[in-house]
Amino acid sequence: MEVSHTIINLIIFVLAIYVGYHVVWTVTPALHTPLMAVTNAVSAIIIVGAMLAAALTTGPVGQIAGTVAVALAAVNVFGGFLVTQRMLEMFKKKEPKAAAPKQAPQGVAQGSQA
């Protein structure tokens, strides 16, 4: 009995989702920033593959699908860098606030007015 290649690819896809979910879910918070950087690198590789797919296909469906893949991967990379930058900002030391001059409360009169 021969199993269809589509079924095999679907099984591999489902297993990859399952393993990926459990690997990412168990990452400690200290490793989230490096993990984001790695996913940005993977998305950059996907952009290269999508450009090749769009350029090397002869039909319009493949070219449109490749162009959409390039656009979606570019959005993913851009968003990933924004999130990574924001996460790195959290690790920077905050500068101490300058001491504000003390002012009298607004409800208190500053002198006698009769």
N, C-alpha and C. Protein backbone atom coordinates (compact mmCIF):
# COMPACT_ATOMS: atom_id res chain seq x y z
N MET A 1 0.84 -1.17 0.00
CA MET A 1 0.00 0.00 0.00
C MET A 1 0.89 1.24 0.00
N GLU A 2 0.61 2.14 -0.90
CA GLU A 2 1.41 3.35 -1.04
C GLU A 2 0.64 4.54 -0.48
N VAL A 3 1.31 5.33 0.35
CA VAL A 3 0.68 6.49 0.96
C VAL A 3 0.97 7.71 0.08
N SER A 4 -0.03 8.52 -0.10
CA SER A 4 0.09 9.72 -0.93
C SER A 4 1.13 10.69 -0.33
N HIS A 5 1.84 11.37 -1.23
CA HIS A 5 2.81 12.37 -0.77
C HIS A 5 2.12 13.51 -0.05
N THR A 6 0.91 13.81 -0.43
CA THR A 6 0.16 14.89 0.24
C THR A 6 -0.12 14.53 1.69
N ILE A 7 -0.47 13.28 1.95
CA ILE A 7 -0.73 12.84 3.32
C ILE A 7 0.55 12.89 4.14
N ILE A 8 1.65 12.45 3.57
CA ILE A 8 2.94 12.48 4.28
C ILE A 8 3.33 13.93 4.61
N ASN A 9 3.18 14.83 3.63
CA ASN A 9 3.51 16.24 3.87
C ASN A 9 2.59 16.85 4.92
N LEU A 10 1.32 16.48 4.93
CA LEU A 10 0.39 16.98 5.92
C LEU A 10 0.76 16.48 7.33
N ILE A 11 1.16 15.23 7.44
CA ILE A 11 1.59 14.68 8.73
C ILE A 11 2.84 15.41 9.24
N ILE A 12 3.79 15.65 8.35
CA ILE A 12 5.01 16.38 8.73
C ILE A 12 4.66 17.79 9.18
N PHE A 13 3.74 18.43 8.47
CA PHE A 13 3.32 19.79 8.82
C PHE A 13 2.68 19.83 10.20
N VAL A 14 1.79 18.91 10.48
CA VAL A 14 1.12 18.87 11.78
C VAL A 14 2.13 18.57 12.90
N LEU A 15 3.05 17.66 12.67
CA LEU A 15 4.07 17.37 13.68
C LEU A 15 4.98 18.57 13.92
N ALA A 16 5.31 19.31 12.86
CA ALA A 16 6.14 20.50 13.01
C ALA A 16 5.42 21.56 13.84
N ILE A 17 4.12 21.71 13.63
CA ILE A 17 3.34 22.65 14.42
C ILE A 17 3.36 22.23 15.89
N TYR A 18 3.14 20.95 16.14
CA TYR A 18 3.09 20.44 17.51
C TYR A 18 4.43 20.64 18.22
N VAL A 19 5.51 20.24 17.57
CA VAL A 19 6.84 20.37 18.19
C VAL A 19 7.20 21.83 18.36
N GLY A 20 6.93 22.66 17.34
CA GLY A 20 7.25 24.08 17.43
C GLY A 20 6.51 24.76 18.56
N TYR A 21 5.24 24.43 18.72
CA TYR A 21 4.45 25.02 19.80
C TYR A 21 5.04 24.67 21.15
N HIS A 22 5.38 23.41 21.36
CA HIS A 22 5.90 23.00 22.66
C HIS A 22 7.31 23.54 22.91
N VAL A 23 8.10 23.68 21.89
CA VAL A 23 9.45 24.23 22.07
C VAL A 23 9.37 25.70 22.44
N VAL A 24 8.55 26.47 21.72
CA VAL A 24 8.44 27.90 22.00
C VAL A 24 7.75 28.15 23.33
N TRP A 25 6.76 27.34 23.68
CA TRP A 25 6.02 27.54 24.92
C TRP A 25 6.90 27.34 26.15
N THR A 26 7.92 26.49 26.05
CA THR A 26 8.76 26.20 27.21
C THR A 26 10.00 27.09 27.30
N VAL A 27 10.12 28.07 26.42
CA VAL A 27 11.26 28.98 26.47
C VAL A 27 11.12 29.90 27.67
N THR A 28 12.20 30.06 28.40
CA THR A 28 12.17 30.97 29.55
C THR A 28 12.10 32.42 29.06
N PRO A 29 11.54 33.31 29.85
CA PRO A 29 11.42 34.71 29.41
C PRO A 29 12.75 35.37 29.06
N ALA A 30 13.84 34.92 29.67
CA ALA A 30 15.15 35.51 29.37
C ALA A 30 15.60 35.22 27.94
N LEU A 31 15.05 34.19 27.34
CA LEU A 31 15.47 33.82 25.98
C LEU A 31 14.51 34.30 24.89
N HIS A 32 13.50 35.07 25.24
CA HIS A 32 12.54 35.50 24.23
C HIS A 32 13.17 36.42 23.20
N THR A 33 14.05 37.34 23.62
CA THR A 33 14.67 38.25 22.67
C THR A 33 15.57 37.52 21.68
N PRO A 34 16.45 36.61 22.11
CA PRO A 34 17.23 35.86 21.12
C PRO A 34 16.35 35.00 20.21
N LEU A 35 15.26 34.47 20.75
CA LEU A 35 14.36 33.68 19.93
C LEU A 35 13.72 34.54 18.85
N MET A 36 13.35 35.77 19.19
CA MET A 36 12.79 36.68 18.20
C MET A 36 13.81 37.00 17.12
N ALA A 37 15.07 37.17 17.50
CA ALA A 37 16.11 37.46 16.52
C ALA A 37 16.28 36.29 15.56
N VAL A 38 16.18 35.08 16.06
CA VAL A 38 16.31 33.91 15.20
C VAL A 38 15.13 33.80 14.25
N THR A 39 13.93 34.10 14.72
CA THR A 39 12.78 34.04 13.83
C THR A 39 12.86 35.11 12.76
N ASN A 40 13.47 36.25 13.06
CA ASN A 40 13.69 37.26 12.03
C ASN A 40 14.64 36.74 10.97
N ALA A 41 15.66 36.02 11.36
CA ALA A 41 16.59 35.45 10.39
C ALA A 41 15.90 34.40 9.53
N VAL A 42 15.05 33.59 10.12
CA VAL A 42 14.32 32.58 9.36
C VAL A 42 13.38 33.26 8.37
N SER A 43 12.72 34.33 8.79
CA SER A 43 11.84 35.06 7.88
C SER A 43 12.62 35.68 6.73
N ALA A 44 13.84 36.13 6.99
CA ALA A 44 14.67 36.67 5.91
C ALA A 44 15.00 35.58 4.89
N ILE A 45 15.25 34.37 5.35
CA ILE A 45 15.51 33.25 4.44
C ILE A 45 14.25 32.94 3.64
N ILE A 46 13.09 33.05 4.27
CA ILE A 46 11.83 32.82 3.57
C ILE A 46 11.63 33.85 2.47
N ILE A 47 12.05 35.09 2.70
CA ILE A 47 11.93 36.12 1.67
C ILE A 47 12.76 35.73 0.45
N VAL A 48 13.97 35.24 0.67
CA VAL A 48 14.82 34.83 -0.45
C VAL A 48 14.16 33.69 -1.22
N GLY A 49 13.63 32.70 -0.50
CA GLY A 49 12.95 31.59 -1.17
C GLY A 49 11.71 32.04 -1.91
N ALA A 50 10.96 32.98 -1.35
CA ALA A 50 9.77 33.48 -2.02
C ALA A 50 10.13 34.27 -3.28
N MET A 51 11.22 35.02 -3.22
CA MET A 51 11.67 35.74 -4.42
C MET A 51 12.08 34.76 -5.52
N LEU A 52 12.77 33.70 -5.13
CA LEU A 52 13.13 32.68 -6.12
C LEU A 52 11.89 32.02 -6.70
N ALA A 53 10.92 31.72 -5.85
CA ALA A 53 9.69 31.09 -6.32
C ALA A 53 8.94 32.02 -7.27
N ALA A 54 8.91 33.31 -6.96
CA ALA A 54 8.21 34.25 -7.83
C ALA A 54 8.94 34.44 -9.15
N ALA A 55 10.27 34.40 -9.10
CA ALA A 55 11.04 34.67 -10.32
C ALA A 55 11.14 33.45 -11.24
N LEU A 56 11.17 32.27 -10.67
CA LEU A 56 11.42 31.08 -11.49
C LEU A 56 10.17 30.41 -12.02
N THR A 57 8.99 30.83 -11.60
CA THR A 57 7.77 30.22 -12.11
C THR A 57 7.38 30.86 -13.43
N THR A 58 6.71 30.09 -14.26
CA THR A 58 6.31 30.60 -15.56
C THR A 58 4.86 31.06 -15.59
N GLY A 59 4.06 30.53 -14.70
CA GLY A 59 2.63 30.89 -14.69
C GLY A 59 2.36 32.09 -13.81
N PRO A 60 1.28 32.79 -14.07
CA PRO A 60 0.95 33.97 -13.26
C PRO A 60 0.54 33.61 -11.83
N VAL A 61 -0.03 32.42 -11.62
CA VAL A 61 -0.45 32.04 -10.26
C VAL A 61 0.77 31.91 -9.35
N GLY A 62 1.82 31.27 -9.84
CA GLY A 62 3.04 31.12 -9.05
C GLY A 62 3.71 32.44 -8.78
N GLN A 63 3.71 33.33 -9.76
CA GLN A 63 4.33 34.64 -9.57
C GLN A 63 3.54 35.48 -8.56
N ILE A 64 2.22 35.41 -8.63
CA ILE A 64 1.40 36.15 -7.67
C ILE A 64 1.59 35.58 -6.27
N ALA A 65 1.58 34.25 -6.15
CA ALA A 65 1.77 33.62 -4.85
C ALA A 65 3.15 33.95 -4.27
N GLY A 66 4.18 33.97 -5.11
CA GLY A 66 5.52 34.33 -4.66
C GLY A 66 5.61 35.77 -4.22
N THR A 67 4.94 36.67 -4.95
CA THR A 67 4.93 38.08 -4.59
C THR A 67 4.20 38.30 -3.26
N VAL A 68 3.08 37.62 -3.08
CA VAL A 68 2.34 37.72 -1.81
C VAL A 68 3.20 37.17 -0.67
N ALA A 69 3.92 36.06 -0.93
CA ALA A 69 4.78 35.48 0.10
C ALA A 69 5.91 36.44 0.48
N VAL A 70 6.47 37.13 -0.51
CA VAL A 70 7.52 38.11 -0.22
C VAL A 70 6.96 39.24 0.65
N ALA A 71 5.77 39.72 0.29
CA ALA A 71 5.17 40.83 1.05
C ALA A 71 4.86 40.41 2.49
N LEU A 72 4.28 39.23 2.67
CA LEU A 72 3.94 38.78 4.02
C LEU A 72 5.19 38.52 4.86
N ALA A 73 6.21 37.94 4.26
CA ALA A 73 7.45 37.69 5.00
C ALA A 73 8.14 39.01 5.36
N ALA A 74 8.06 40.01 4.46
CA ALA A 74 8.66 41.32 4.76
C ALA A 74 7.94 41.98 5.93
N VAL A 75 6.62 41.88 5.97
CA VAL A 75 5.86 42.42 7.11
C VAL A 75 6.27 41.70 8.38
N ASN A 76 6.46 40.38 8.30
CA ASN A 76 6.86 39.60 9.46
C ASN A 76 8.24 40.02 9.97
N VAL A 77 9.18 40.24 9.05
CA VAL A 77 10.52 40.66 9.45
C VAL A 77 10.47 42.05 10.09
N PHE A 78 9.75 42.97 9.45
CA PHE A 78 9.66 44.33 9.98
C PHE A 78 9.02 44.33 11.37
N GLY A 79 7.92 43.62 11.53
CA GLY A 79 7.27 43.53 12.83
C GLY A 79 8.16 42.84 13.86
N GLY A 80 8.89 41.82 13.44
CA GLY A 80 9.79 41.13 14.35
C GLY A 80 10.90 42.03 14.87
N PHE A 81 11.43 42.87 13.98
CA PHE A 81 12.47 43.80 14.43
C PHE A 81 11.90 44.85 15.37
N LEU A 82 10.67 45.29 15.13
CA LEU A 82 10.06 46.25 16.05
C LEU A 82 9.85 45.63 17.43
N VAL A 83 9.37 44.40 17.45
CA VAL A 83 9.14 43.73 18.73
C VAL A 83 10.47 43.48 19.45
N THR A 84 11.48 43.05 18.70
CA THR A 84 12.80 42.80 19.30
C THR A 84 13.37 44.09 19.87
N GLN A 85 13.25 45.19 19.13
CA GLN A 85 13.75 46.47 19.62
C GLN A 85 13.03 46.88 20.90
N ARG A 86 11.74 46.67 20.92
CA ARG A 86 10.96 47.03 22.11
C ARG A 86 11.35 46.16 23.30
N MET A 87 11.62 44.89 23.06
CA MET A 87 12.03 44.00 24.15
C MET A 87 13.40 44.41 24.67
N LEU A 88 14.30 44.80 23.77
CA LEU A 88 15.63 45.22 24.22
C LEU A 88 15.57 46.51 25.01
N GLU A 89 14.61 47.38 24.68
CA GLU A 89 14.44 48.62 25.45
C GLU A 89 14.12 48.32 26.91
N MET A 90 13.45 47.21 27.17
CA MET A 90 13.08 46.86 28.54
C MET A 90 14.30 46.53 29.39
N PHE A 91 15.40 46.11 28.75
CA PHE A 91 16.59 45.73 29.50
C PHE A 91 17.52 46.91 29.78
N LYS A 92 17.28 48.05 29.15
CA LYS A 92 18.13 49.21 29.38
C LYS A 92 17.84 49.80 30.75
N LYS A 93 18.88 50.36 31.36
CA LYS A 93 18.70 51.01 32.65
C LYS A 93 18.01 52.34 32.43
N LYS A 94 17.05 52.61 33.29
CA LYS A 94 16.32 53.87 33.20
C LYS A 94 17.12 54.95 33.89
N GLU A 95 17.12 56.13 33.29
CA GLU A 95 17.82 57.27 33.88
C GLU A 95 17.00 57.80 35.05
N PRO A 96 17.68 58.19 36.12
CA PRO A 96 16.91 58.73 37.26
C PRO A 96 16.24 60.04 36.86
N LYS A 97 15.03 60.23 37.37
CA LYS A 97 14.29 61.45 37.07
C LYS A 97 14.90 62.62 37.81
N ALA A 98 14.93 63.77 37.15
CA ALA A 98 15.45 64.98 37.80
C ALA A 98 14.46 65.41 38.88
N ALA A 99 15.01 65.91 39.97
CA ALA A 99 14.15 66.34 41.09
C ALA A 99 13.38 67.58 40.65
N ALA A 100 12.08 67.49 40.70
CA ALA A 100 11.22 68.62 40.31
C ALA A 100 11.18 69.63 41.45
N PRO A 101 11.14 70.92 41.13
CA PRO A 101 11.05 71.92 42.21
C PRO A 101 9.72 71.78 42.92
N LYS A 102 9.78 71.94 44.24
CA LYS A 102 8.57 71.77 45.05
C LYS A 102 7.70 73.00 44.90
N GLN A 103 6.42 72.74 44.66
CA GLN A 103 5.47 73.83 44.52
C GLN A 103 4.39 73.66 45.58
N ALA A 104 3.77 74.75 45.90
CA ALA A 104 2.67 74.70 46.87
C ALA A 104 1.46 74.06 46.19
N PRO A 105 0.69 73.33 46.95
CA PRO A 105 -0.52 72.75 46.37
C PRO A 105 -1.44 73.84 45.82
N GLN A 106 -2.21 73.53 44.84
CA GLN A 106 -3.04 74.51 44.16
C GLN A 106 -4.13 75.10 45.05
N GLY A 107 -4.62 74.36 46.00
CA GLY A 107 -5.72 74.84 46.84
C GLY A 107 -5.25 75.77 47.96
N VAL A 108 -3.95 75.88 48.19
CA VAL A 108 -3.43 76.67 49.31
C VAL A 108 -3.14 78.09 48.81
N ALA A 109 -3.61 79.05 49.54
CA ALA A 109 -3.36 80.46 49.16
C ALA A 109 -1.95 80.83 49.56
N GLN A 110 -1.30 81.62 48.73
CA GLN A 110 0.07 82.02 49.01
C GLN A 110 0.11 83.49 49.47
N GLY A 111 -0.47 83.81 50.45
CA GLY A 111 -0.49 85.19 50.94
C GLY A 111 -1.91 85.52 51.40
N SER A 112 -1.99 86.63 52.03
CA SER A 112 -3.31 86.99 52.54
C SER A 112 -4.00 87.87 51.53
N GLN A 113 -5.13 87.44 51.13
CA GLN A 113 -5.95 88.22 50.22
C GLN A 113 -7.29 88.42 50.90
N ALA A 114 -7.64 89.62 51.15
CA ALA A 114 -8.89 89.89 51.85
C ALA A 114 -9.87 90.62 51.02
